[in-house]
Amino acid sequence: MNRANNIAIMLARLKLPNSEIKKAILTLDESKLSVDVLRMLKQFVPSDDELETVREYDGDPNSLGIAEKYFREVRTLHCRKVLCEHKSTQIADIPKFGARINAMIFVRRYASSVDEVKPVCFVFYFSEGMVK
């Protein structure tokens, strides 16, 4: 219950519908997903048990909680070379959600990390002790 509440709070902060979050992740849309947003999403990657529970649910989707609706939307991002087994078959061969989030964070931080290290590298490279 606490995890579901935290997910609902995170989603409220994002102010993006679940379908937009999914689309932004699939298309690697950096304009909608800052590093901070990606870190929040990374904290709440659905577990296999959570995904299984949502997949097995065959009741009214409108009666699901906020977290469950989110899991239901992003569960197709967990599929890999397998068609998801829901009434409206989703796309296949999508890399795993968590791995995609990690890759997006790395790409977004890479340039700034290199920029932070360059001055230090130059200092070491051109210092008297290093030049022989």
N, C-alpha and C. Protein backbone atom coordinates (compact mmCIF):
# COMPACT_ATOMS: atom_id res chain seq x y z
N MET A 1 0.82 -1.19 0.00
CA MET A 1 0.00 0.00 0.00
C MET A 1 0.87 1.26 0.00
N ASN A 2 1.94 1.25 0.79
CA ASN A 2 2.83 2.40 0.85
C ASN A 2 3.50 2.65 -0.50
N ARG A 3 3.93 1.58 -1.16
CA ARG A 3 4.55 1.71 -2.48
C ARG A 3 3.55 2.30 -3.48
N ALA A 4 2.33 1.84 -3.44
CA ALA A 4 1.30 2.36 -4.35
C ALA A 4 1.08 3.85 -4.11
N ASN A 5 1.07 4.27 -2.85
CA ASN A 5 0.92 5.70 -2.54
C ASN A 5 2.10 6.51 -3.05
N ASN A 6 3.31 5.98 -2.87
CA ASN A 6 4.51 6.68 -3.36
C ASN A 6 4.50 6.80 -4.88
N ILE A 7 4.04 5.78 -5.55
CA ILE A 7 3.94 5.83 -7.02
C ILE A 7 2.91 6.87 -7.44
N ALA A 8 1.79 6.91 -6.74
CA ALA A 8 0.75 7.90 -7.05
C ALA A 8 1.30 9.33 -6.86
N ILE A 9 2.07 9.54 -5.82
CA ILE A 9 2.68 10.86 -5.57
C ILE A 9 3.66 11.20 -6.68
N MET A 10 4.50 10.23 -7.06
CA MET A 10 5.47 10.45 -8.13
C MET A 10 4.77 10.80 -9.43
N LEU A 11 3.72 10.08 -9.76
CA LEU A 11 3.00 10.34 -11.00
C LEU A 11 2.31 11.70 -10.98
N ALA A 12 1.82 12.10 -9.83
CA ALA A 12 1.19 13.42 -9.70
C ALA A 12 2.22 14.52 -9.93
N ARG A 13 3.44 14.32 -9.46
CA ARG A 13 4.52 15.31 -9.68
C ARG A 13 4.89 15.43 -11.16
N LEU A 14 4.84 14.30 -11.85
CA LEU A 14 5.23 14.30 -13.27
C LEU A 14 4.25 15.07 -14.13
N LYS A 15 2.99 15.03 -13.75
CA LYS A 15 1.93 15.71 -14.51
C LYS A 15 1.90 15.26 -15.97
N LEU A 16 2.17 13.98 -16.20
CA LEU A 16 2.10 13.39 -17.53
C LEU A 16 1.19 12.17 -17.45
N PRO A 17 0.32 11.98 -18.44
CA PRO A 17 -0.47 10.75 -18.45
C PRO A 17 0.44 9.54 -18.66
N ASN A 18 0.00 8.39 -18.18
CA ASN A 18 0.79 7.17 -18.31
C ASN A 18 1.19 6.89 -19.75
N SER A 19 0.28 7.16 -20.67
CA SER A 19 0.58 6.90 -22.08
C SER A 19 1.72 7.80 -22.58
N GLU A 20 1.80 9.02 -22.07
CA GLU A 20 2.88 9.94 -22.46
C GLU A 20 4.21 9.51 -21.86
N ILE A 21 4.18 9.01 -20.65
CA ILE A 21 5.40 8.49 -20.02
C ILE A 21 5.93 7.33 -20.86
N LYS A 22 5.02 6.42 -21.20
CA LYS A 22 5.41 5.26 -21.99
C LYS A 22 5.97 5.70 -23.35
N LYS A 23 5.28 6.62 -24.01
CA LYS A 23 5.73 7.10 -25.32
C LYS A 23 7.09 7.77 -25.22
N ALA A 24 7.30 8.58 -24.19
CA ALA A 24 8.57 9.27 -24.02
C ALA A 24 9.71 8.28 -23.79
N ILE A 25 9.44 7.20 -23.07
CA ILE A 25 10.46 6.18 -22.84
C ILE A 25 10.75 5.42 -24.12
N LEU A 26 9.71 5.07 -24.85
CA LEU A 26 9.90 4.33 -26.10
C LEU A 26 10.66 5.14 -27.14
N THR A 27 10.39 6.45 -27.18
CA THR A 27 11.01 7.30 -28.19
C THR A 27 12.25 8.03 -27.68
N LEU A 28 12.62 7.76 -26.42
CA LEU A 28 13.77 8.41 -25.78
C LEU A 28 13.64 9.94 -25.85
N ASP A 29 12.45 10.42 -25.58
CA ASP A 29 12.14 11.85 -25.66
C ASP A 29 12.72 12.58 -24.45
N GLU A 30 13.84 13.23 -24.66
CA GLU A 30 14.53 13.93 -23.57
C GLU A 30 13.80 15.18 -23.12
N SER A 31 12.94 15.73 -23.96
CA SER A 31 12.23 16.96 -23.59
C SER A 31 11.21 16.71 -22.48
N LYS A 32 10.73 15.49 -22.35
CA LYS A 32 9.73 15.18 -21.33
C LYS A 32 10.31 14.47 -20.12
N LEU A 33 11.50 13.92 -20.27
CA LEU A 33 12.08 13.11 -19.20
C LEU A 33 13.45 13.64 -18.79
N SER A 34 13.47 14.48 -17.79
CA SER A 34 14.74 14.97 -17.26
C SER A 34 15.42 13.85 -16.48
N VAL A 35 16.67 14.06 -16.10
CA VAL A 35 17.38 13.06 -15.31
C VAL A 35 16.66 12.83 -13.98
N ASP A 36 16.15 13.90 -13.38
CA ASP A 36 15.41 13.74 -12.12
C ASP A 36 14.16 12.89 -12.31
N VAL A 37 13.44 13.12 -13.40
CA VAL A 37 12.24 12.32 -13.69
C VAL A 37 12.63 10.87 -13.92
N LEU A 38 13.69 10.65 -14.66
CA LEU A 38 14.14 9.28 -14.92
C LEU A 38 14.53 8.58 -13.62
N ARG A 39 15.17 9.30 -12.72
CA ARG A 39 15.53 8.70 -11.42
C ARG A 39 14.29 8.32 -10.63
N MET A 40 13.27 9.18 -10.68
CA MET A 40 12.02 8.84 -9.99
C MET A 40 11.40 7.59 -10.60
N LEU A 41 11.37 7.53 -11.93
CA LEU A 41 10.80 6.36 -12.61
C LEU A 41 11.59 5.10 -12.26
N LYS A 42 12.90 5.25 -12.16
CA LYS A 42 13.76 4.11 -11.86
C LYS A 42 13.43 3.53 -10.48
N GLN A 43 13.09 4.39 -9.53
CA GLN A 43 12.75 3.92 -8.19
C GLN A 43 11.49 3.06 -8.19
N PHE A 44 10.63 3.31 -9.17
CA PHE A 44 9.33 2.64 -9.17
C PHE A 44 9.12 1.77 -10.39
N VAL A 45 10.17 1.11 -10.83
CA VAL A 45 10.04 0.12 -11.90
C VAL A 45 9.22 -1.04 -11.32
N PRO A 46 8.17 -1.44 -11.99
CA PRO A 46 7.33 -2.52 -11.44
C PRO A 46 8.09 -3.84 -11.34
N SER A 47 7.85 -4.53 -10.24
CA SER A 47 8.47 -5.84 -10.05
C SER A 47 7.74 -6.87 -10.91
N ASP A 48 8.33 -8.03 -11.06
CA ASP A 48 7.69 -9.10 -11.83
C ASP A 48 6.35 -9.49 -11.20
N ASP A 49 6.30 -9.53 -9.88
CA ASP A 49 5.05 -9.87 -9.20
C ASP A 49 3.97 -8.83 -9.47
N GLU A 50 4.34 -7.56 -9.42
CA GLU A 50 3.37 -6.49 -9.69
C GLU A 50 2.85 -6.58 -11.12
N LEU A 51 3.76 -6.85 -12.05
CA LEU A 51 3.35 -6.97 -13.45
C LEU A 51 2.44 -8.18 -13.66
N GLU A 52 2.76 -9.28 -12.99
CA GLU A 52 1.94 -10.49 -13.11
C GLU A 52 0.54 -10.24 -12.57
N THR A 53 0.46 -9.55 -11.44
CA THR A 53 -0.84 -9.24 -10.85
C THR A 53 -1.69 -8.41 -11.80
N VAL A 54 -1.09 -7.41 -12.41
CA VAL A 54 -1.82 -6.54 -13.34
C VAL A 54 -2.19 -7.31 -14.60
N ARG A 55 -1.30 -8.16 -15.07
CA ARG A 55 -1.57 -8.93 -16.29
C ARG A 55 -2.74 -9.89 -16.09
N GLU A 56 -2.81 -10.47 -14.91
CA GLU A 56 -3.86 -11.44 -14.64
C GLU A 56 -5.21 -10.78 -14.34
N TYR A 57 -5.22 -9.51 -14.08
CA TYR A 57 -6.47 -8.81 -13.74
C TYR A 57 -7.35 -8.71 -14.98
N ASP A 58 -8.59 -9.18 -14.86
CA ASP A 58 -9.48 -9.13 -16.02
C ASP A 58 -10.76 -8.35 -15.72
N GLY A 59 -10.72 -7.57 -14.64
CA GLY A 59 -11.88 -6.75 -14.28
C GLY A 59 -11.87 -5.41 -15.00
N ASP A 60 -12.67 -4.50 -14.51
CA ASP A 60 -12.78 -3.17 -15.09
C ASP A 60 -11.50 -2.38 -14.84
N PRO A 61 -10.79 -1.97 -15.90
CA PRO A 61 -9.53 -1.22 -15.72
C PRO A 61 -9.73 0.09 -14.96
N ASN A 62 -10.92 0.67 -15.04
CA ASN A 62 -11.19 1.92 -14.35
C ASN A 62 -11.24 1.76 -12.83
N SER A 63 -11.40 0.53 -12.37
CA SER A 63 -11.46 0.30 -10.93
C SER A 63 -10.06 0.09 -10.32
N LEU A 64 -9.04 0.07 -11.15
CA LEU A 64 -7.67 -0.08 -10.66
C LEU A 64 -7.20 1.21 -10.00
N GLY A 65 -6.25 1.08 -9.08
CA GLY A 65 -5.64 2.24 -8.46
C GLY A 65 -4.67 2.93 -9.42
N ILE A 66 -4.17 4.08 -9.02
CA ILE A 66 -3.27 4.86 -9.87
C ILE A 66 -2.01 4.07 -10.20
N ALA A 67 -1.41 3.43 -9.20
CA ALA A 67 -0.18 2.66 -9.43
C ALA A 67 -0.45 1.48 -10.37
N GLU A 68 -1.56 0.81 -10.18
CA GLU A 68 -1.88 -0.35 -11.02
C GLU A 68 -2.13 0.07 -12.47
N LYS A 69 -2.79 1.21 -12.65
CA LYS A 69 -3.00 1.72 -14.01
C LYS A 69 -1.66 2.04 -14.67
N TYR A 70 -0.75 2.61 -13.89
CA TYR A 70 0.60 2.91 -14.40
C TYR A 70 1.32 1.60 -14.79
N PHE A 71 1.28 0.61 -13.91
CA PHE A 71 1.92 -0.67 -14.21
C PHE A 71 1.32 -1.30 -15.45
N ARG A 72 0.02 -1.19 -15.58
CA ARG A 72 -0.68 -1.75 -16.74
C ARG A 72 -0.19 -1.09 -18.03
N GLU A 73 0.04 0.21 -17.99
CA GLU A 73 0.50 0.94 -19.17
C GLU A 73 1.94 0.61 -19.52
N VAL A 74 2.81 0.57 -18.52
CA VAL A 74 4.23 0.37 -18.82
C VAL A 74 4.63 -1.10 -18.89
N ARG A 75 3.71 -2.01 -18.59
CA ARG A 75 4.10 -3.42 -18.59
C ARG A 75 4.57 -3.90 -19.95
N THR A 76 4.08 -3.29 -21.02
CA THR A 76 4.53 -3.72 -22.34
C THR A 76 5.99 -3.34 -22.56
N LEU A 77 6.51 -2.43 -21.76
CA LEU A 77 7.93 -2.09 -21.86
C LEU A 77 8.80 -3.20 -21.28
N HIS A 78 8.20 -4.12 -20.55
CA HIS A 78 8.95 -5.25 -20.00
C HIS A 78 9.00 -6.41 -20.98
N CYS A 79 8.15 -6.40 -21.98
CA CYS A 79 8.10 -7.51 -22.93
C CYS A 79 9.36 -7.54 -23.78
N ARG A 80 9.77 -8.71 -24.12
CA ARG A 80 10.93 -8.85 -24.99
C ARG A 80 10.70 -10.04 -25.89
N LYS A 81 10.51 -9.77 -27.17
CA LYS A 81 10.26 -10.80 -28.17
C LYS A 81 9.07 -11.68 -27.81
N VAL A 82 8.15 -11.13 -27.07
CA VAL A 82 6.94 -11.85 -26.70
C VAL A 82 5.80 -10.84 -26.79
N LEU A 83 4.73 -11.22 -27.41
CA LEU A 83 3.58 -10.33 -27.45
C LEU A 83 2.89 -10.37 -26.09
N CYS A 84 2.59 -9.20 -25.57
CA CYS A 84 1.88 -9.13 -24.29
C CYS A 84 0.49 -9.71 -24.47
N GLU A 85 0.02 -10.39 -23.46
CA GLU A 85 -1.23 -11.13 -23.55
C GLU A 85 -2.41 -10.31 -23.05
N HIS A 86 -2.66 -9.18 -23.63
CA HIS A 86 -3.81 -8.39 -23.23
C HIS A 86 -4.73 -8.25 -24.44
N LYS A 87 -5.95 -7.84 -24.19
CA LYS A 87 -6.95 -7.74 -25.25
C LYS A 87 -6.44 -6.97 -26.46
N SER A 88 -5.79 -5.85 -26.23
CA SER A 88 -5.19 -5.10 -27.34
C SER A 88 -3.70 -5.42 -27.34
N THR A 89 -3.30 -6.35 -28.16
CA THR A 89 -1.92 -6.81 -28.19
C THR A 89 -0.98 -5.63 -28.45
N GLN A 90 0.04 -5.53 -27.64
CA GLN A 90 0.96 -4.40 -27.71
C GLN A 90 2.19 -4.76 -28.54
N ILE A 91 3.04 -3.77 -28.71
CA ILE A 91 4.24 -3.97 -29.50
C ILE A 91 5.18 -4.97 -28.83
N ALA A 92 5.96 -5.62 -29.63
CA ALA A 92 6.88 -6.63 -29.12
C ALA A 92 8.32 -6.15 -29.28
N ASP A 93 9.22 -6.91 -28.67
CA ASP A 93 10.65 -6.68 -28.78
C ASP A 93 11.07 -5.29 -28.28
N ILE A 94 10.51 -4.87 -27.18
CA ILE A 94 10.89 -3.62 -26.55
C ILE A 94 11.85 -3.95 -25.41
N PRO A 95 12.97 -3.24 -25.32
CA PRO A 95 13.89 -3.51 -24.21
C PRO A 95 13.21 -3.30 -22.86
N LYS A 96 13.71 -3.96 -21.85
CA LYS A 96 13.10 -3.88 -20.52
C LYS A 96 13.07 -2.44 -20.02
N PHE A 97 12.02 -2.16 -19.29
CA PHE A 97 11.77 -0.82 -18.76
C PHE A 97 12.93 -0.30 -17.91
N GLY A 98 13.34 -1.08 -16.93
CA GLY A 98 14.43 -0.65 -16.04
C GLY A 98 15.74 -0.43 -16.78
N ALA A 99 16.07 -1.32 -17.69
CA ALA A 99 17.30 -1.18 -18.47
C ALA A 99 17.25 0.07 -19.34
N ARG A 100 16.11 0.34 -19.91
CA ARG A 100 15.96 1.53 -20.76
C ARG A 100 16.11 2.80 -19.93
N ILE A 101 15.52 2.81 -18.74
CA ILE A 101 15.64 3.97 -17.85
C ILE A 101 17.11 4.19 -17.48
N ASN A 102 17.81 3.12 -17.11
CA ASN A 102 19.23 3.23 -16.76
C ASN A 102 20.05 3.77 -17.93
N ALA A 103 19.77 3.29 -19.11
CA ALA A 103 20.50 3.76 -20.30
C ALA A 103 20.22 5.24 -20.56
N MET A 104 18.96 5.65 -20.40
CA MET A 104 18.61 7.05 -20.63
C MET A 104 19.30 7.96 -19.61
N ILE A 105 19.39 7.52 -18.36
CA ILE A 105 20.09 8.31 -17.34
C ILE A 105 21.56 8.43 -17.70
N PHE A 106 22.19 7.32 -18.09
CA PHE A 106 23.60 7.35 -18.46
C PHE A 106 23.86 8.31 -19.62
N VAL A 107 23.04 8.22 -20.65
CA VAL A 107 23.22 9.09 -21.83
C VAL A 107 23.07 10.54 -21.44
N ARG A 108 22.07 10.85 -20.62
CA ARG A 108 21.81 12.24 -20.22
C ARG A 108 22.94 12.79 -19.36
N ARG A 109 23.57 11.96 -18.55
CA ARG A 109 24.62 12.43 -17.64
C ARG A 109 26.01 12.35 -18.25
N TYR A 110 26.19 11.63 -19.33
CA TYR A 110 27.52 11.38 -19.88
C TYR A 110 28.25 12.67 -20.23
N ALA A 111 27.63 13.55 -20.99
CA ALA A 111 28.29 14.77 -21.44
C ALA A 111 28.71 15.64 -20.25
N SER A 112 27.85 15.78 -19.27
CA SER A 112 28.21 16.61 -18.12
C SER A 112 29.31 15.95 -17.29
N SER A 113 29.31 14.63 -17.23
CA SER A 113 30.37 13.92 -16.50
C SER A 113 31.71 14.13 -17.18
N VAL A 114 31.73 14.06 -18.49
CA VAL A 114 32.98 14.28 -19.24
C VAL A 114 33.46 15.71 -19.04
N ASP A 115 32.54 16.67 -19.09
CA ASP A 115 32.90 18.07 -18.89
C ASP A 115 33.49 18.31 -17.51
N GLU A 116 33.01 17.59 -16.51
CA GLU A 116 33.53 17.74 -15.15
C GLU A 116 34.94 17.16 -15.02
N VAL A 117 35.23 16.11 -15.75
CA VAL A 117 36.51 15.42 -15.63
C VAL A 117 37.61 16.05 -16.49
N LYS A 118 37.26 16.67 -17.60
CA LYS A 118 38.26 17.23 -18.51
C LYS A 118 39.27 18.16 -17.83
N PRO A 119 38.83 19.14 -17.06
CA PRO A 119 39.82 20.04 -16.44
C PRO A 119 40.81 19.30 -15.53
N VAL A 120 40.34 18.32 -14.80
CA VAL A 120 41.21 17.55 -13.93
C VAL A 120 42.21 16.76 -14.75
N CYS A 121 41.77 16.20 -15.85
CA CYS A 121 42.66 15.44 -16.73
C CYS A 121 43.76 16.33 -17.29
N PHE A 122 43.39 17.53 -17.70
CA PHE A 122 44.40 18.47 -18.22
C PHE A 122 45.40 18.85 -17.16
N VAL A 123 44.97 19.06 -15.94
CA VAL A 123 45.88 19.42 -14.85
C VAL A 123 46.89 18.30 -14.64
N PHE A 124 46.42 17.07 -14.57
CA PHE A 124 47.33 15.94 -14.39
C PHE A 124 48.25 15.76 -15.59
N TYR A 125 47.73 15.90 -16.76
CA TYR A 125 48.49 15.68 -17.98
C TYR A 125 49.63 16.69 -18.11
N PHE A 126 49.35 17.94 -17.79
CA PHE A 126 50.34 18.99 -17.97
C PHE A 126 51.12 19.35 -16.71
N SER A 127 50.90 18.63 -15.62
CA SER A 127 51.66 18.92 -14.41
C SER A 127 53.10 18.46 -14.57
N GLU A 128 54.00 19.07 -13.82
CA GLU A 128 55.43 18.77 -13.95
C GLU A 128 55.75 17.32 -13.67
N GLY A 129 55.09 16.74 -12.71
CA GLY A 129 55.35 15.36 -12.35
C GLY A 129 54.97 14.37 -13.43
N MET A 130 54.06 14.73 -14.29
CA MET A 130 53.57 13.81 -15.30
C MET A 130 54.37 13.92 -16.61
N VAL A 131 54.97 15.10 -16.86
CA VAL A 131 55.70 15.30 -18.12
C VAL A 131 57.13 14.85 -17.93
N LYS A 132 57.59 13.94 -18.76
CA LYS A 132 58.98 13.45 -18.67
C LYS A 132 59.57 13.37 -20.04
